[in-house]
C-alpha atoms as a PDB file:
ATOM      1  CA  MET A   1      27.857 -47.081-190.082  1.00  0.00           C
ATOM      2  CA  LYS A   2      28.005 -45.924-186.304  1.00  0.00           C
ATOM      3  CA  ASP A   3      27.272 -46.827-182.919  1.00  0.00           C
ATOM      4  CA  TYR A   4      24.471 -46.686-180.789  1.00  0.00           C
ATOM      5  CA  LEU A   5      21.852 -47.579-178.542  1.00  0.00           C
ATOM      6  CA  VAL A   6      18.344 -45.936-178.036  1.00  0.00           C
ATOM      7  CA  ARG A   7      16.578 -45.963-175.110  1.00  0.00           C
ATOM      8  CA  ALA A   8      12.296 -46.270-174.876  1.00  0.00           C
ATOM      9  CA  ILE A   9       9.657 -47.210-173.099  1.00  0.00           C
ATOM     10  CA  SER A  10       6.305 -48.990-174.153  1.00  0.00           C
ATOM     11  CA  ARG A  11       2.471 -47.403-174.361  1.00  0.00           C
ATOM     12  CA  ASN A  12       1.612 -48.460-171.720  1.00  0.00           C
ATOM     13  CA  GLY A  13       4.437 -46.814-169.663  1.00  0.00           C
ATOM     14  CA  LYS A  14       5.053 -50.934-167.652  1.00  0.00           C
ATOM     15  CA  VAL A  15       8.203 -51.575-169.933  1.00  0.00           C
ATOM     16  CA  ARG A  16      11.553 -50.106-170.755  1.00  0.00           C
ATOM     17  CA  ALA A  17      13.851 -51.371-173.175  1.00  0.00           C
ATOM     18  CA  PHE A  18      17.213 -50.666-174.722  1.00  0.00           C
ATOM     19  CA  ALA A  19      18.757 -52.112-178.107  1.00  0.00           C
ATOM     20  CA  ILE A  20      22.449 -51.278-179.100  1.00  0.00           C
ATOM     21  CA  ARG A  21      24.095 -52.086-182.752  1.00  0.00           C
ATOM     22  CA  SER A  22      28.200 -52.266-181.180  1.00  0.00           C
ATOM     23  CA  THR A  23      29.793 -53.619-184.352  1.00  0.00           C
ATOM     24  CA  GLY A  24      32.443 -50.864-184.800  1.00  0.00           C
ATOM     25  CA  VAL A  25      33.723 -51.129-180.990  1.00  0.00           C
ATOM     26  CA  VAL A  26      33.905 -55.111-180.425  1.00  0.00           C
ATOM     27  CA  GLU A  27      35.363 -54.669-183.566  1.00  0.00           C
ATOM     28  CA  GLU A  28      38.178 -51.558-181.858  1.00  0.00           C
ATOM     29  CA  SER A  29      38.487 -53.781-179.177  1.00  0.00           C
ATOM     30  CA  ARG A  30      39.807 -57.463-180.971  1.00  0.00           C
ATOM     31  CA  ARG A  31      42.085 -55.598-183.112  1.00  0.00           C
ATOM     32  CA  ARG A  32      43.247 -53.722-180.310  1.00  0.00           C
ATOM     33  CA  LEU A  33      43.798 -56.698-178.315  1.00  0.00           C
ATOM     34  CA  ASP A  34      43.659 -59.526-180.825  1.00  0.00           C
ATOM     35  CA  THR A  35      41.108 -61.064-179.257  1.00  0.00           C
ATOM     36  CA  TRP A  36      40.358 -64.962-180.762  1.00  0.00           C
ATOM     37  CA  PRO A  37      36.604 -65.245-182.125  1.00  0.00           C
ATOM     38  CA  VAL A  38      34.616 -67.429-178.961  1.00  0.00           C
ATOM     39  CA  ALA A  39      37.233 -64.351-176.705  1.00  0.00           C
ATOM     40  CA  SER A  40      35.385 -61.577-179.442  1.00  0.00           C
ATOM     41  CA  ALA A  41      32.439 -63.023-178.972  1.00  0.00           C
ATOM     42  CA  ALA A  42      32.618 -63.409-174.916  1.00  0.00           C
ATOM     43  CA  LEU A  43      33.862 -59.484-174.870  1.00  0.00           C
ATOM     44  CA  GLY A  44      31.289 -58.627-177.708  1.00  0.00           C
ATOM     45  CA  ARG A  45      28.760 -60.039-175.433  1.00  0.00           C
ATOM     46  CA  SER A  46      29.892 -58.656-172.319  1.00  0.00           C
ATOM     47  CA  ILE A  47      30.350 -54.710-173.890  1.00  0.00           C
ATOM     48  CA  SER A  48      27.367 -54.461-175.695  1.00  0.00           C
ATOM     49  CA  ALA A  49      25.505 -54.758-171.781  1.00  0.00           C
ATOM     50  CA  SER A  50      27.538 -53.048-170.216  1.00  0.00           C
ATOM     51  CA  ALA A  51      27.523 -50.378-172.296  1.00  0.00           C
ATOM     52  CA  MET A  52      23.878 -50.225-172.088  1.00  0.00           C
ATOM     53  CA  MET A  53      23.726 -49.835-167.979  1.00  0.00           C
ATOM     54  CA  GLY A  54      26.359 -47.455-168.729  1.00  0.00           C
ATOM     55  CA  ALA A  55      23.703 -45.508-170.756  1.00  0.00           C
ATOM     56  CA  MET A  56      20.902 -45.904-167.006  1.00  0.00           C
ATOM     57  CA  LEU A  57      23.928 -43.448-165.593  1.00  0.00           C
ATOM     58  CA  LYS A  58      23.807 -39.488-166.287  1.00  0.00           C
ATOM     59  CA  GLY A  59      27.231 -38.040-167.930  1.00  0.00           C
ATOM     60  CA  ASN A  60      30.164 -38.630-165.481  1.00  0.00           C
ATOM     61  CA  GLU A  61      28.473 -41.576-163.738  1.00  0.00           C
ATOM     62  CA  ARG A  62      30.413 -45.065-164.052  1.00  0.00           C
ATOM     63  CA  LEU A  63      29.987 -48.799-163.846  1.00  0.00           C
ATOM     64  CA  THR A  64      32.924 -51.709-163.417  1.00  0.00           C
ATOM     65  CA  VAL A  65      31.453 -55.256-164.902  1.00  0.00           C
ATOM     66  CA  ILE A  66      34.023 -57.863-164.029  1.00  0.00           C
ATOM     67  CA  ILE A  67      33.059 -61.262-164.816  1.00  0.00           C
ATOM     68  CA  LYS A  68      35.235 -64.423-163.640  1.00  0.00           C
ATOM     69  CA  GLY A  69      33.567 -67.709-164.146  1.00  0.00           C
ATOM     70  CA  GLY A  70      37.304 -70.022-163.884  1.00  0.00           C
ATOM     71  CA  GLY A  71      37.378 -70.764-167.291  1.00  0.00           C
ATOM     72  CA  PRO A  72      39.889 -70.253-169.556  1.00  0.00           C
ATOM     73  CA  ILE A  73      39.370 -66.822-170.764  1.00  0.00           C
ATOM     74  CA  GLY A  74      40.286 -65.561-167.559  1.00  0.00           C
ATOM     75  CA  GLN A  75      38.849 -62.604-165.843  1.00  0.00           C
ATOM     76  CA  ILE A  76      36.234 -60.303-168.752  1.00  0.00           C
ATOM     77  CA  VAL A  77      36.716 -56.612-167.635  1.00  0.00           C
ATOM     78  CA  VAL A  78      33.873 -53.685-168.896  1.00  0.00           C
ATOM     79  CA  ASP A  79      34.026 -50.069-168.116  1.00  0.00           C
ATOM     80  CA  ALA A  80      31.169 -48.316-169.306  1.00  0.00           C
ATOM     81  CA  ASN A  81      29.671 -44.451-168.279  1.00  0.00           C
ATOM     82  CA  GLY A  82      26.782 -42.440-169.008  1.00  0.00           C
ATOM     83  CA  LYS A  83      28.044 -40.502-172.727  1.00  0.00           C
ATOM     84  CA  GLY A  84      28.624 -44.332-174.742  1.00  0.00           C
ATOM     85  CA  GLU A  85      32.126 -44.554-173.743  1.00  0.00           C
ATOM     86  CA  VAL A  86      32.999 -48.349-173.398  1.00  0.00           C
ATOM     87  CA  ARG A  87      36.352 -50.077-173.180  1.00  0.00           C
ATOM     88  CA  GLY A  88      37.316 -53.497-172.283  1.00  0.00           C
ATOM     89  CA  TYR A  89      39.166 -56.711-172.280  1.00  0.00           C
ATOM     90  CA  VAL A  90      40.088 -60.518-171.472  1.00  0.00           C
ATOM     91  CA  THR A  91      43.115 -61.873-169.162  1.00  0.00           C
ATOM     92  CA  ASN A  92      42.873 -64.240-171.469  1.00  0.00           C
ATOM     93  CA  PRO A  93      42.709 -63.343-175.700  1.00  0.00           C
ATOM     94  CA  HIS A  94      44.057 -66.520-177.141  1.00  0.00           C
ATOM     95  CA  ILE A  95      40.932 -68.742-177.106  1.00  0.00           C
ATOM     96  CA  HIS A  96      39.115 -70.588-179.356  1.00  0.00           C
ATOM     97  CA  PHE A  97      37.438 -74.390-179.375  1.00  0.00           C
ATOM     98  CA  PRO A  98      35.270 -75.696-181.923  1.00  0.00           C
ATOM     99  CA  LEU A  99      31.006 -74.985-182.154  1.00  0.00           C
ATOM    100  CA  ASN A 100      29.027 -76.498-179.450  1.00  0.00           C
ATOM    101  CA  ALA A 101      25.790 -78.805-179.880  1.00  0.00           C
ATOM    102  CA  MET A 102      24.255 -75.663-181.106  1.00  0.00           C
ATOM    103  CA  GLY A 103      26.552 -75.017-183.205  1.00  0.00           C
ATOM    104  CA  LYS A 104      28.058 -71.029-181.957  1.00  0.00           C
ATOM    105  CA  LEU A 105      30.787 -70.394-180.518  1.00  0.00           C
ATOM    106  CA  ASP A 106      31.443 -71.800-177.006  1.00  0.00           C
ATOM    107  CA  VAL A 107      31.956 -68.409-174.638  1.00  0.00           C
ATOM    108  CA  ALA A 108      29.988 -70.960-171.746  1.00  0.00           C
ATOM    109  CA  LYS A 109      33.149 -73.151-171.752  1.00  0.00           C
ATOM    110  CA  ALA A 110      35.413 -69.992-172.526  1.00  0.00           C
ATOM    111  CA  VAL A 111      33.846 -68.000-169.541  1.00  0.00           C
ATOM    112  CA  GLY A 112      32.988 -71.186-167.350  1.00  0.00           C
ATOM    113  CA  THR A 113      30.535 -70.926-164.731  1.00  0.00           C
ATOM    114  CA  ASP A 114      32.126 -71.856-161.394  1.00  0.00           C
ATOM    115  CA  GLY A 115      32.528 -67.559-160.014  1.00  0.00           C
ATOM    116  CA  GLN A 116      30.399 -64.537-160.259  1.00  0.00           C
ATOM    117  CA  LEU A 117      29.111 -61.165-162.442  1.00  0.00           C
ATOM    118  CA  LEU A 118      30.257 -58.358-160.037  1.00  0.00           C
ATOM    119  CA  VAL A 119      28.738 -55.241-161.093  1.00  0.00           C
ATOM    120  CA  THR A 120      30.670 -51.575-158.893  1.00  0.00           C
ATOM    121  CA  LYS A 121      28.796 -48.361-159.800  1.00  0.00           C
ATOM    122  CA  ASP A 122      30.367 -44.899-159.341  1.00  0.00           C
ATOM    123  CA  LEU A 123      27.892 -42.398-158.807  1.00  0.00           C
ATOM    124  CA  GLY A 124      29.743 -39.830-156.936  1.00  0.00           C
ATOM    125  CA  LEU A 125      29.337 -40.512-153.934  1.00  0.00           C
ATOM    126  CA  LYS A 126      31.483 -41.329-150.704  1.00  0.00           C
ATOM    127  CA  GLU A 127      31.295 -45.487-151.798  1.00  0.00           C
ATOM    128  CA  PRO A 128      30.370 -46.067-155.124  1.00  0.00           C
ATOM    129  CA  TYR A 129      27.471 -49.359-155.202  1.00  0.00           C
ATOM    130  CA  ASN A 130      28.187 -52.811-156.026  1.00  0.00           C
ATOM    131  CA  GLY A 131      27.081 -55.031-156.898  1.00  0.00           C
ATOM    132  CA  SER A 132      27.439 -58.972-157.624  1.00  0.00           C
ATOM    133  CA  VAL A 133      25.871 -62.786-158.422  1.00  0.00           C
ATOM    134  CA  GLU A 134      26.865 -65.880-159.575  1.00  0.00           C
ATOM    135  CA  LEU A 135      27.792 -67.273-162.630  1.00  0.00           C
ATOM    136  CA  ILE A 136      23.990 -69.006-164.097  1.00  0.00           C
ATOM    137  CA  SER A 137      25.497 -70.161-167.462  1.00  0.00           C
ATOM    138  CA  GLY A 138      28.615 -68.556-168.669  1.00  0.00           C
ATOM    139  CA  GLU A 139      26.782 -67.512-171.653  1.00  0.00           C
ATOM    140  CA  LEU A 140      26.386 -64.111-170.459  1.00  0.00           C
ATOM    141  CA  GLY A 141      23.238 -62.593-171.874  1.00  0.00           C
ATOM    142  CA  GLU A 142      21.076 -64.908-168.652  1.00  0.00           C
ATOM    143  CA  ASP A 143      23.793 -63.936-166.286  1.00  0.00           C
ATOM    144  CA  PHE A 144      22.966 -60.281-166.780  1.00  0.00           C
ATOM    145  CA  THR A 145      19.301 -61.260-166.647  1.00  0.00           C
ATOM    146  CA  TYR A 146      19.887 -63.062-163.237  1.00  0.00           C
ATOM    147  CA  TYR A 147      22.204 -59.768-162.056  1.00  0.00           C
ATOM    148  CA  PHE A 148      19.397 -57.284-162.900  1.00  0.00           C
ATOM    149  CA  ALA A 149      16.861 -60.215-161.301  1.00  0.00           C
ATOM    150  CA  LYS A 150      18.808 -60.464-157.857  1.00  0.00           C
ATOM    151  CA  SER A 151      20.652 -57.483-157.133  1.00  0.00           C
ATOM    152  CA  GLU A 152      19.087 -54.600-157.939  1.00  0.00           C
ATOM    153  CA  GLN A 153      15.650 -56.482-158.371  1.00  0.00           C
ATOM    154  CA  THR A 154      15.080 -55.440-161.949  1.00  0.00           C
ATOM    155  CA  PRO A 155      13.101 -58.511-163.816  1.00  0.00           C
ATOM    156  CA  SER A 156      14.577 -58.328-167.354  1.00  0.00           C
ATOM    157  CA  ALA A 157      15.075 -59.279-170.644  1.00  0.00           C
ATOM    158  CA  VAL A 158      19.083 -59.682-171.690  1.00  0.00           C
ATOM    159  CA  SER A 159      19.883 -60.721-175.090  1.00  0.00           C
ATOM    160  CA  VAL A 160      23.206 -60.224-176.517  1.00  0.00           C
ATOM    161  CA  GLY A 161      25.024 -61.072-179.700  1.00  0.00           C
ATOM    162  CA  VAL A 162      27.972 -61.367-181.101  1.00  0.00           C
ATOM    163  CA  LEU A 163      29.411 -62.639-185.135  1.00  0.00           C
ATOM    164  CA  VAL A 164      32.578 -63.132-186.513  1.00  0.00           C
ATOM    165  CA  ASN A 165      34.230 -63.426-189.776  1.00  0.00           C
ATOM    166  CA  PRO A 166      36.111 -65.928-191.192  1.00  0.00           C
ATOM    167  CA  ASP A 167      38.847 -64.196-190.517  1.00  0.00           C
ATOM    168  CA  ASN A 168      38.414 -63.105-187.490  1.00  0.00           C
ATOM    169  CA  SER A 169      36.739 -59.875-187.827  1.00  0.00           C
ATOM    170  CA  ILE A 170      33.613 -58.585-185.843  1.00  0.00           C
ATOM    171  CA  LYS A 171      30.779 -59.173-188.945  1.00  0.00           C
ATOM    172  CA  ALA A 172      28.231 -58.181-186.419  1.00  0.00           C
ATOM    173  CA  ALA A 173      27.388 -57.504-182.693  1.00  0.00           C
ATOM    174  CA  GLY A 174      24.371 -56.041-180.657  1.00  0.00           C
ATOM    175  CA  GLY A 175      21.800 -56.933-177.563  1.00  0.00           C
ATOM    176  CA  PHE A 176      19.214 -55.585-176.266  1.00  0.00           C
ATOM    177  CA  ILE A 177      17.777 -55.207-172.678  1.00  0.00           C
ATOM    178  CA  ILE A 178      13.776 -55.312-171.879  1.00  0.00           C
ATOM    179  CA  GLN A 179      12.683 -54.092-168.104  1.00  0.00           C
ATOM    180  CA  LEU A 180       9.234 -54.601-166.729  1.00  0.00           C
ATOM    181  CA  LEU A 181       8.086 -52.151-164.365  1.00  0.00           C
ATOM    182  CA  PRO A 182       5.735 -52.475-161.477  1.00  0.00           C
ATOM    183  CA  GLY A 183       2.362 -52.429-162.926  1.00  0.00           C
ATOM    184  CA  LEU A 184       2.824 -55.117-166.059  1.00  0.00           C
ATOM    185  CA  SER A 185      -0.070 -57.748-165.967  1.00  0.00           C
ATOM    186  CA  GLU A 186       1.106 -61.462-165.369  1.00  0.00           C
ATOM    187  CA  ALA A 187      -1.194 -61.434-169.320  1.00  0.00           C
ATOM    188  CA  ASP A 188       1.499 -59.149-170.395  1.00  0.00           C
ATOM    189  CA  ILE A 189       4.656 -60.703-169.286  1.00  0.00           C
ATOM    190  CA  ALA A 190       3.201 -64.004-171.202  1.00  0.00           C
ATOM    191  CA  GLU A 191       2.651 -62.016-173.989  1.00  0.00           C
ATOM    192  CA  LEU A 192       6.270 -60.308-173.439  1.00  0.00           C
ATOM    193  CA  GLU A 193       7.983 -63.844-173.192  1.00  0.00           C
ATOM    194  CA  LYS A 194       5.874 -65.125-176.791  1.00  0.00           C
ATOM    195  CA  LYS A 195       7.362 -62.535-178.376  1.00  0.00           C
ATOM    196  CA  LEU A 196      10.845 -63.091-177.158  1.00  0.00           C
ATOM    197  CA  SER A 197      10.861 -66.196-178.313  1.00  0.00           C
ATOM    198  CA  GLY A 198       9.836 -65.870-181.614  1.00  0.00           C
ATOM    199  CA  ILE A 199      12.249 -63.407-182.169  1.00  0.00           C
ATOM    200  CA  PRO A 200      15.604 -64.235-184.003  1.00  0.00           C
ATOM    201  CA  PRO A 201      19.180 -64.011-182.089  1.00  0.00           C
ATOM    202  CA  VAL A 202      20.570 -60.398-181.868  1.00  0.00           C
ATOM    203  CA  SER A 203      23.078 -60.357-184.027  1.00  0.00           C
ATOM    204  CA  THR A 204      21.119 -61.531-186.859  1.00  0.00           C
ATOM    205  CA  MET A 205      19.291 -59.026-186.740  1.00  0.00           C
ATOM    206  CA  VAL A 206      22.294 -56.770-186.483  1.00  0.00           C
ATOM    207  CA  ASP A 207      23.816 -58.721-189.281  1.00  0.00           C
ATOM    208  CA  GLU A 208      20.846 -57.986-191.847  1.00  0.00           C
ATOM    209  CA  GLY A 209      21.002 -55.144-190.733  1.00  0.00           C
ATOM    210  CA  LEU A 210      18.515 -54.124-188.405  1.00  0.00           C
ATOM    211  CA  THR A 211      19.524 -50.680-186.310  1.00  0.00           C
ATOM    212  CA  PRO A 212      18.322 -50.376-182.024  1.00  0.00           C
ATOM    213  CA  GLU A 213      15.150 -48.997-183.478  1.00  0.00           C
ATOM    214  CA  GLU A 214      14.323 -52.114-185.268  1.00  0.00           C
ATOM    215  CA  ILE A 215      15.023 -53.743-183.016  1.00  0.00           C
ATOM    216  CA  LEU A 216      13.280 -53.427-179.806  1.00  0.00           C
ATOM    217  CA  TYR A 217      10.247 -52.387-182.386  1.00  0.00           C
ATOM    218  CA  ALA A 218      10.806 -56.726-184.104  1.00  0.00           C
ATOM    219  CA  VAL A 219      10.957 -57.345-180.075  1.00  0.00           C
ATOM    220  CA  LEU A 220       7.965 -55.277-178.468  1.00  0.00           C
ATOM    221  CA  GLY A 221       6.325 -53.856-181.204  1.00  0.00           C
ATOM    222  CA  LYS A 222       6.340 -51.178-183.086  1.00  0.00           C
ATOM    223  CA  ASP A 223       2.528 -49.902-182.426  1.00  0.00           C
ATOM    224  CA  ASP A 224       3.859 -50.264-178.543  1.00  0.00           C
ATOM    225  CA  VAL A 225       7.265 -48.467-178.499  1.00  0.00           C
ATOM    226  CA  GLU A 226       7.977 -44.753-178.228  1.00  0.00           C
ATOM    227  CA  ILE A 227      11.904 -44.121-178.549  1.00  0.00           C
ATOM    228  CA  LEU A 228      12.884 -41.339-175.654  1.00  0.00           C
ATOM    229  CA  ALA A 229      16.799 -40.512-176.736  1.00  0.00           C
ATOM    230  CA  ASP A 230      19.997 -42.375-178.542  1.00  0.00           C
ATOM    231  CA  LEU A 231      23.437 -42.076-177.997  1.00  0.00           C
ATOM    232  CA  ASP A 232      26.527 -42.898-179.436  1.00  0.00           C
ATOM    233  CA  ILE A 233      28.391 -45.445-178.165  1.00  0.00           C
ATOM    234  CA  VAL A 234      32.530 -45.313-178.009  1.00  0.00           C
ATOM    235  CA  PHE A 235      35.862 -46.921-177.556  1.00  0.00           C
ATOM    236  CA  SER A 236      37.415 -45.153-175.705  1.00  0.00           C
ATOM    237  CA  CYS A 237      40.717 -45.560-172.889  1.00  0.00           C
ATOM    238  CA  HIS A 238      41.411 -43.312-170.798  1.00  0.00           C
ATOM    239  CA  CYS A 239      44.751 -44.580-170.249  1.00  0.00           C
ATOM    240  CA  SER A 240      47.716 -41.706-169.920  1.00  0.00           C
ATOM    241  CA  VAL A 241      51.586 -41.433-169.045  1.00  0.00           C
ATOM    242  CA  GLU A 242      50.568 -40.037-165.917  1.00  0.00           C
ATOM    243  CA  ARG A 243      47.950 -42.971-164.809  1.00  0.00           C
ATOM    244  CA  MET A 244      51.153 -44.840-165.999  1.00  0.00           C
ATOM    245  CA  GLU A 245      53.351 -42.612-164.002  1.00  0.00           C
ATOM    246  CA  ASN A 246      51.151 -42.970-160.760  1.00  0.00           C
ATOM    247  CA  ALA A 247      51.335 -46.854-161.483  1.00  0.00           C
ATOM    248  CA  LEU A 248      54.340 -46.909-161.633  1.00  0.00           C
ATOM    249  CA  ILE A 249      54.665 -44.812-158.292  1.00  0.00           C
ATOM    250  CA  SER A 250      52.290 -47.217-156.454  1.00  0.00           C
ATOM    251  CA  LEU A 251      54.943 -50.279-156.482  1.00  0.00           C
ATOM    252  CA  GLY A 252      56.496 -48.423-153.991  1.00  0.00           C
ATOM    253  CA  ALA A 253      61.048 -47.034-153.869  1.00  0.00           C
ATOM    254  CA  GLU A 254      62.042 -50.652-153.626  1.00  0.00           C
ATOM    255  CA  GLU A 255      60.237 -52.255-156.980  1.00  0.00           C
ATOM    256  CA  ILE A 256      61.226 -48.851-158.409  1.00  0.00           C
ATOM    257  CA  LYS A 257      64.896 -49.766-157.774  1.00  0.00           C
ATOM    258  CA  SER A 258      64.603 -52.967-158.478  1.00  0.00           C
ATOM    259  CA  ILE A 259      63.365 -52.142-162.197  1.00  0.00           C
ATOM    260  CA  ILE A 260      66.355 -49.608-162.556  1.00  0.00           C
ATOM    261  CA  GLU A 261      68.775 -52.820-161.580  1.00  0.00           C
ATOM    262  CA  GLU A 262      67.599 -55.478-163.446  1.00  0.00           C
ATOM    263  CA  GLN A 263      66.355 -54.103-166.690  1.00  0.00           C
ATOM    264  CA  GLY A 264      67.164 -50.108-166.896  1.00  0.00           C
ATOM    265  CA  LYS A 265      63.485 -49.488-167.932  1.00  0.00           C
ATOM    266  CA  ALA A 266      60.165 -49.944-167.733  1.00  0.00           C
ATOM    267  CA  GLU A 267      57.761 -51.050-170.030  1.00  0.00           C
ATOM    268  CA  LEU A 268      54.280 -50.783-169.545  1.00  0.00           C
ATOM    269  CA  THR A 269      51.462 -52.306-171.409  1.00  0.00           C
ATOM    270  CA  CYS A 270      47.592 -50.606-170.980  1.00  0.00           C
ATOM    271  CA  HIS A 271      45.321 -53.822-170.409  1.00  0.00           C
ATOM    272  CA  PHE A 272      41.968 -51.940-172.048  1.00  0.00           C
ATOM    273  CA  CYS A 273      43.606 -50.726-175.618  1.00  0.00           C
ATOM    274  CA  ASN A 274      47.416 -52.193-175.446  1.00  0.00           C
ATOM    275  CA  GLU A 275      49.194 -49.270-175.854  1.00  0.00           C
ATOM    276  CA  VAL A 276      52.759 -49.370-174.366  1.00  0.00           C
ATOM    277  CA  TYR A 277      54.590 -47.042-172.752  1.00  0.00           C
ATOM    278  CA  GLN A 278      58.127 -46.649-172.790  1.00  0.00           C
ATOM    279  CA  VAL A 279      59.563 -45.084-169.297  1.00  0.00           C
ATOM    280  CA  ASP A 280      63.387 -44.417-169.753  1.00  0.00           C
ATOM    281  CA  GLN A 281      65.632 -44.957-166.943  1.00  0.00           C
ATOM    282  CA  PRO A 282      65.905 -41.398-165.340  1.00  0.00           C
ATOM    283  CA  GLU A 283      62.035 -41.249-164.998  1.00  0.00           C
ATOM    284  CA  LEU A 284      61.798 -43.999-163.395  1.00  0.00           C
ATOM    285  CA  GLU A 285      64.510 -42.092-161.151  1.00  0.00           C
ATOM    286  CA  ARG A 286      62.295 -39.086-160.831  1.00  0.00           C
ATOM    287  CA  LEU A 287      59.416 -42.222-160.105  1.00  0.00           C
ATOM    288  CA  MET A 288      61.610 -43.354-157.450  1.00  0.00           C
ATOM    289  CA  LYS A 289      61.684 -40.101-155.940  1.00  0.00           C
ATOM    290  CA  LEU A 290      58.400 -39.075-155.301  1.00  0.00           C
ATOM    291  CA  ALA A 291      57.838 -42.951-154.171  1.00  0.00           C
ATOM    292  CA  LYS A 292      59.621 -42.061-151.184  1.00  0.00           C
ATOM    293  CA  LYS A 293      57.720 -38.785-150.346  1.00  0.00           C
END
């Protein structure tokens, strides 16, 4: 089954919603980065939330989410855009712990809570939009919920989840975002909160084969949801030989000279996709000349 998300609105126009199945994209990231189960869950939750946030943008607009919680996983970084392209990585992919007290992967222990969730949006303007909040749980769904409420002043409910197979591959990944629009009454909000409290975990719904549309039907009620659009979600990395060469040039001529003298070549690895780029000595010498200009 392909990965995709849907964008929807309630029949009364007072709730907008997104739901995603991201199992394939999260598995592609796990395979490339060799993430262990807890790291896979943390990265997968972040990928699902970021991809849905990317769907709130227009085609070429993009965003970067950085989560720095002070935990052993280090940073989580995810890029997403309005075309459904997403990629992400964690600083330390080989992180795993015993299940937490609730019998679930201990994402909060890996991420930590001493830090921030930062969002940078490139909307094609002179300056990017930057928003940030303190982490409140490290479980990430709650942290994204807090981000929407505090940084974007949009009351929201964010649920993201990942199930991992015994062989460490991804069994199911997905999520939803429910956002309250102006005009929703207290009674409507109470009814929505009641529905949210009674649904299964979103990863369970994905594992049981529910589509993104069906997830929203389960959350909001089929008669109350109007599906507006869908969007394929794909793993897409933008690394290239040119980007890696520019990264070397940015180090400066002296640093490139040191690499030539000490190693005779350079090996660069993309954080997002783990692609390895080899740069031999003649190429380094060419880049050194460019760095001097």
